[in-house]
Amino acid sequence: MQTDKVRLSGDHEGRREALKQVEKFSAYLDLSKKETMRIQLLAEETLGMVETIAGSFVADFYLESTEDSKCRIHLMARTEMDSQKKQELIAASSKKQNSARKGFMGKIRDIIENGLYSVDEVGALQTEYGGGSLMYANMGMMDPEMLSAQSAVYAWSLKHYKDSLEREPGKKEEVSEAWDELEKSIVASIADDVSVSVRGDMVELTIEKKMVRS
């Protein structure tokens, strides 16, 4: 089952309709009240993150179920930027205060902005942890050799990020704080995986969760 696609924009347009689609999705699949609430929370966190993305863009939001009883929340965003606007956003993003991107979904927002506005042209944004830093975007990147020529230019996933944290040497304090942040995140705690992929001018966020039926 796949819901209708809802067009979102940076001015909060489409939020109410998106949440209606979540209700229809849960009702159609006869999900338990607890499971419905979890999917609503994931959707609300996604919509809230969208509303904090800088600049002008449009995104399509929809949900789908898979044959193996998984729910996938999709957000597909595209932007058309001229050179001057892109450089302005790059400059603004590289000067953000650390407090502006705390939290797991704040990190996801930064990765999406990197893809939408080519922020990687000035280097990947870093997250500050108690005076140290972890390259969270790079740490969650999938092996480029795993990506075919027709797939994403790059792809990031929560699973790869967690694997990278387990292998990160010599930064015990920063890694500990990163795990603590994941544990406090609604999305990271509920979802089985979160992935971000970039193909040309299209950035796609996918949140995946195994569903429990009534």
Protein backbone atom coordinates (compact mmCIF):
# COMPACT_ATOMS: atom_id res chain seq x y z
CA MET A 1 0.00 0.00 0.00
CA GLN A 2 1.24 3.49 -0.84
CA THR A 3 -0.36 6.75 0.24
CA ASP A 4 -0.92 9.77 -1.97
CA LYS A 5 2.09 12.01 -2.31
CA VAL A 6 1.83 15.34 -0.50
CA ARG A 7 3.77 18.36 -1.72
CA LEU A 8 5.66 20.16 1.06
CA SER A 9 7.55 23.43 1.02
CA GLY A 10 9.63 25.50 3.38
CA ASP A 11 6.61 27.60 4.40
CA HIS A 12 4.89 24.67 6.20
CA GLU A 13 2.54 24.01 3.28
CA GLY A 14 1.18 20.46 3.20
CA ARG A 15 1.80 19.49 6.83
CA ARG A 16 -1.87 18.91 7.73
CA GLU A 17 -2.52 16.81 4.62
CA ALA A 18 0.64 14.78 5.26
CA LEU A 19 -0.60 13.84 8.74
CA LYS A 20 -3.97 12.86 7.25
CA GLN A 21 -2.15 10.43 4.97
CA VAL A 22 -0.46 8.92 8.03
CA GLU A 23 -3.89 8.35 9.61
CA LYS A 24 -5.22 6.73 6.43
CA PHE A 25 -2.13 4.53 6.19
CA SER A 26 -2.50 3.25 9.76
CA ALA A 27 -6.25 2.66 9.39
CA TYR A 28 -5.89 0.80 6.09
CA LEU A 29 -3.31 -1.57 7.57
CA ASP A 30 -5.27 -1.94 10.82
CA LEU A 31 -2.29 -1.05 12.96
CA SER A 32 -2.46 -1.12 16.74
CA LYS A 33 -2.89 2.14 18.61
CA LYS A 34 0.71 1.91 19.86
CA GLU A 35 2.09 1.24 16.39
CA THR A 36 0.01 4.05 14.90
CA MET A 37 1.44 6.46 17.47
CA ARG A 38 5.00 5.40 16.65
CA ILE A 39 4.51 6.01 12.94
CA GLN A 40 2.84 9.35 13.67
CA LEU A 41 5.83 10.35 15.78
CA LEU A 42 8.25 9.45 12.97
CA ALA A 43 6.17 11.44 10.49
CA GLU A 44 5.91 14.46 12.80
CA GLU A 45 9.67 14.45 13.41
CA THR A 46 10.23 14.30 9.65
CA LEU A 47 7.85 17.18 8.96
CA GLY A 48 9.37 19.23 11.78
CA MET A 49 12.83 18.70 10.33
CA VAL A 50 11.63 19.79 6.88
CA GLU A 51 10.38 23.07 8.32
CA THR A 52 13.89 23.93 9.55
CA ILE A 53 15.66 23.42 6.20
CA ALA A 54 17.04 26.68 4.86
CA GLY A 55 16.20 28.12 1.49
CA SER A 56 13.52 27.51 -1.11
CA PHE A 57 12.67 23.94 -2.03
CA VAL A 58 9.80 21.54 -2.66
CA ALA A 59 9.47 17.99 -1.35
CA ASP A 60 7.10 15.05 -1.80
CA PHE A 61 6.07 13.12 1.32
CA TYR A 62 4.45 9.69 1.30
CA LEU A 63 4.33 6.34 3.12
CA GLU A 64 4.41 2.82 1.76
CA SER A 65 4.17 -0.69 3.20
CA THR A 66 6.30 -3.60 2.02
CA GLU A 67 5.52 -7.29 1.69
CA ASP A 68 7.65 -8.01 4.75
CA SER A 69 5.51 -5.69 6.93
CA LYS A 70 7.76 -2.66 6.95
CA CYS A 71 6.65 0.95 6.87
CA ARG A 72 8.74 3.34 4.83
CA ILE A 73 8.34 7.08 5.18
CA HIS A 74 9.70 8.88 2.13
CA LEU A 75 10.70 12.49 1.67
CA MET A 76 11.96 13.43 -1.79
CA ALA A 77 13.26 16.99 -2.04
CA ARG A 78 14.52 19.00 -4.98
CA THR A 79 15.86 22.52 -5.30
CA GLU A 80 16.80 24.73 -8.22
CA MET A 81 19.48 27.14 -7.12
CA ASP A 82 21.34 29.74 -9.09
CA SER A 83 25.04 30.21 -8.34
CA GLN A 84 24.62 33.28 -6.14
CA LYS A 85 21.91 31.75 -3.92
CA LYS A 86 23.93 28.54 -3.56
CA GLN A 87 27.03 30.40 -2.43
CA GLU A 88 24.97 32.42 0.09
CA LEU A 89 23.53 29.23 1.57
CA ILE A 90 26.94 27.57 1.65
CA ALA A 91 28.31 30.55 3.57
CA ALA A 92 25.37 30.54 5.99
CA SER A 93 25.56 26.79 6.57
CA SER A 94 29.30 26.82 7.24
CA LYS A 95 28.83 29.51 9.90
CA LYS A 96 25.96 27.87 11.82
CA GLN A 97 26.21 27.85 15.58
CA ASN A 98 26.57 24.37 17.07
CA SER A 99 23.30 24.71 18.99
CA ALA A 100 21.39 25.12 15.74
CA ARG A 101 22.07 21.53 14.68
CA LYS A 102 22.05 19.58 17.91
CA GLY A 103 19.94 16.46 17.95
CA PHE A 104 19.85 13.51 15.57
CA MET A 105 17.30 15.05 13.20
CA GLY A 106 19.39 18.23 13.17
CA LYS A 107 22.23 16.14 11.78
CA ILE A 108 19.91 14.62 9.18
CA ARG A 109 18.80 18.12 8.21
CA ASP A 110 22.43 19.12 7.66
CA ILE A 111 23.08 16.09 5.47
CA ILE A 112 19.99 16.91 3.39
CA GLU A 113 21.05 20.53 3.09
CA ASN A 114 24.49 19.36 1.98
CA GLY A 115 22.82 17.46 -0.84
CA LEU A 116 20.31 20.16 -1.77
CA TYR A 117 22.73 23.05 -1.75
CA SER A 118 26.08 21.36 -2.45
CA VAL A 119 27.45 22.44 0.92
CA ASP A 120 30.12 19.75 0.44
CA GLU A 121 31.83 22.23 -1.87
CA VAL A 122 33.24 23.87 1.26
CA GLY A 123 33.70 20.63 3.19
CA ALA A 124 31.24 18.46 5.13
CA LEU A 125 29.71 20.08 8.20
CA GLN A 126 30.90 18.73 11.51
CA THR A 127 29.09 18.15 14.77
CA GLU A 128 30.70 19.34 17.99
CA TYR A 129 30.77 16.96 20.95
CA GLY A 130 32.26 18.42 24.12
CA GLY A 131 35.10 20.18 22.36
CA GLY A 132 35.81 17.32 19.95
CA SER A 133 34.26 16.57 16.62
CA LEU A 134 32.95 13.59 14.67
CA MET A 135 32.40 13.69 10.94
CA TYR A 136 28.90 12.27 11.24
CA ALA A 137 28.14 12.64 7.54
CA ASN A 138 31.28 10.76 6.48
CA MET A 139 30.87 8.21 9.26
CA GLY A 140 27.46 7.21 7.97
CA MET A 141 28.42 7.05 4.31
CA MET A 142 27.97 3.80 2.44
CA ASP A 143 30.91 2.31 0.58
CA PRO A 144 31.01 4.02 -2.85
CA GLU A 145 31.85 0.67 -4.43
CA MET A 146 28.43 -0.58 -3.28
CA LEU A 147 26.69 2.11 -5.33
CA SER A 148 26.11 1.41 -9.02
CA ALA A 149 26.61 4.07 -11.67
CA GLN A 150 22.85 4.56 -11.88
CA SER A 151 22.23 4.77 -8.13
CA ALA A 152 22.96 7.51 -5.63
CA VAL A 153 25.97 9.78 -5.98
CA TYR A 154 26.30 9.21 -2.26
CA ALA A 155 24.22 7.60 0.43
CA TRP A 156 24.18 7.82 4.24
CA SER A 157 22.44 5.45 6.64
CA LEU A 158 21.83 5.18 10.37
CA LYS A 159 23.05 1.57 10.34
CA HIS A 160 26.37 2.60 8.80
CA TYR A 161 26.64 5.48 11.26
CA LYS A 162 26.18 3.13 14.23
CA ASP A 163 28.74 0.72 12.77
CA SER A 164 31.18 3.61 12.38
CA LEU A 165 30.68 4.69 15.98
CA GLU A 166 31.54 1.19 17.16
CA ARG A 167 34.77 1.29 15.17
CA GLU A 168 35.75 4.89 15.98
CA PRO A 169 39.15 4.80 17.73
CA GLY A 170 40.52 7.27 20.23
CA LYS A 171 37.44 9.46 20.78
CA LYS A 172 35.68 7.76 23.67
CA GLU A 173 34.04 10.92 25.06
CA GLU A 174 32.72 12.09 21.68
CA VAL A 175 31.48 8.61 20.77
CA SER A 176 29.77 8.24 24.14
CA GLU A 177 27.96 11.53 23.62
CA ALA A 178 26.97 10.48 20.10
CA TRP A 179 25.41 7.25 21.45
CA ASP A 180 23.64 9.24 24.14
CA GLU A 181 22.20 11.54 21.49
CA LEU A 182 20.91 8.57 19.50
CA GLU A 183 19.26 7.11 22.58
CA LYS A 184 17.46 10.41 23.22
CA SER A 185 16.24 10.71 19.64
CA ILE A 186 12.66 9.62 18.92
CA VAL A 187 13.53 8.74 15.34
CA ALA A 188 16.77 6.88 16.09
CA SER A 189 15.05 4.93 18.89
CA ILE A 190 11.92 3.93 16.96
CA ALA A 191 13.17 3.48 13.38
CA ASP A 192 15.01 0.39 12.20
CA ASP A 193 16.97 2.50 9.74
CA VAL A 194 17.22 6.02 8.34
CA SER A 195 18.90 6.70 5.02
CA VAL A 196 19.64 9.73 2.87
CA SER A 197 20.62 9.44 -0.79
CA VAL A 198 21.49 12.03 -3.43
CA ARG A 199 20.89 11.63 -7.15
CA GLY A 200 21.59 14.74 -9.17
CA ASP A 201 19.41 17.53 -7.76
CA MET A 202 17.18 15.08 -5.86
CA VAL A 203 17.69 14.19 -2.19
CA GLU A 204 15.65 11.36 -0.69
CA LEU A 205 15.17 10.61 3.00
CA THR A 206 13.74 7.20 3.90
CA ILE A 207 12.77 6.12 7.42
CA GLU A 208 12.08 2.42 7.75
CA LYS A 209 10.27 0.62 10.57
CA LYS A 210 9.01 -2.92 11.06
CA MET A 211 5.26 -2.77 11.73
CA VAL A 212 3.28 -4.64 14.37
CA ARG A 213 -0.27 -5.37 13.20
CA SER A 214 -3.33 -5.38 15.47
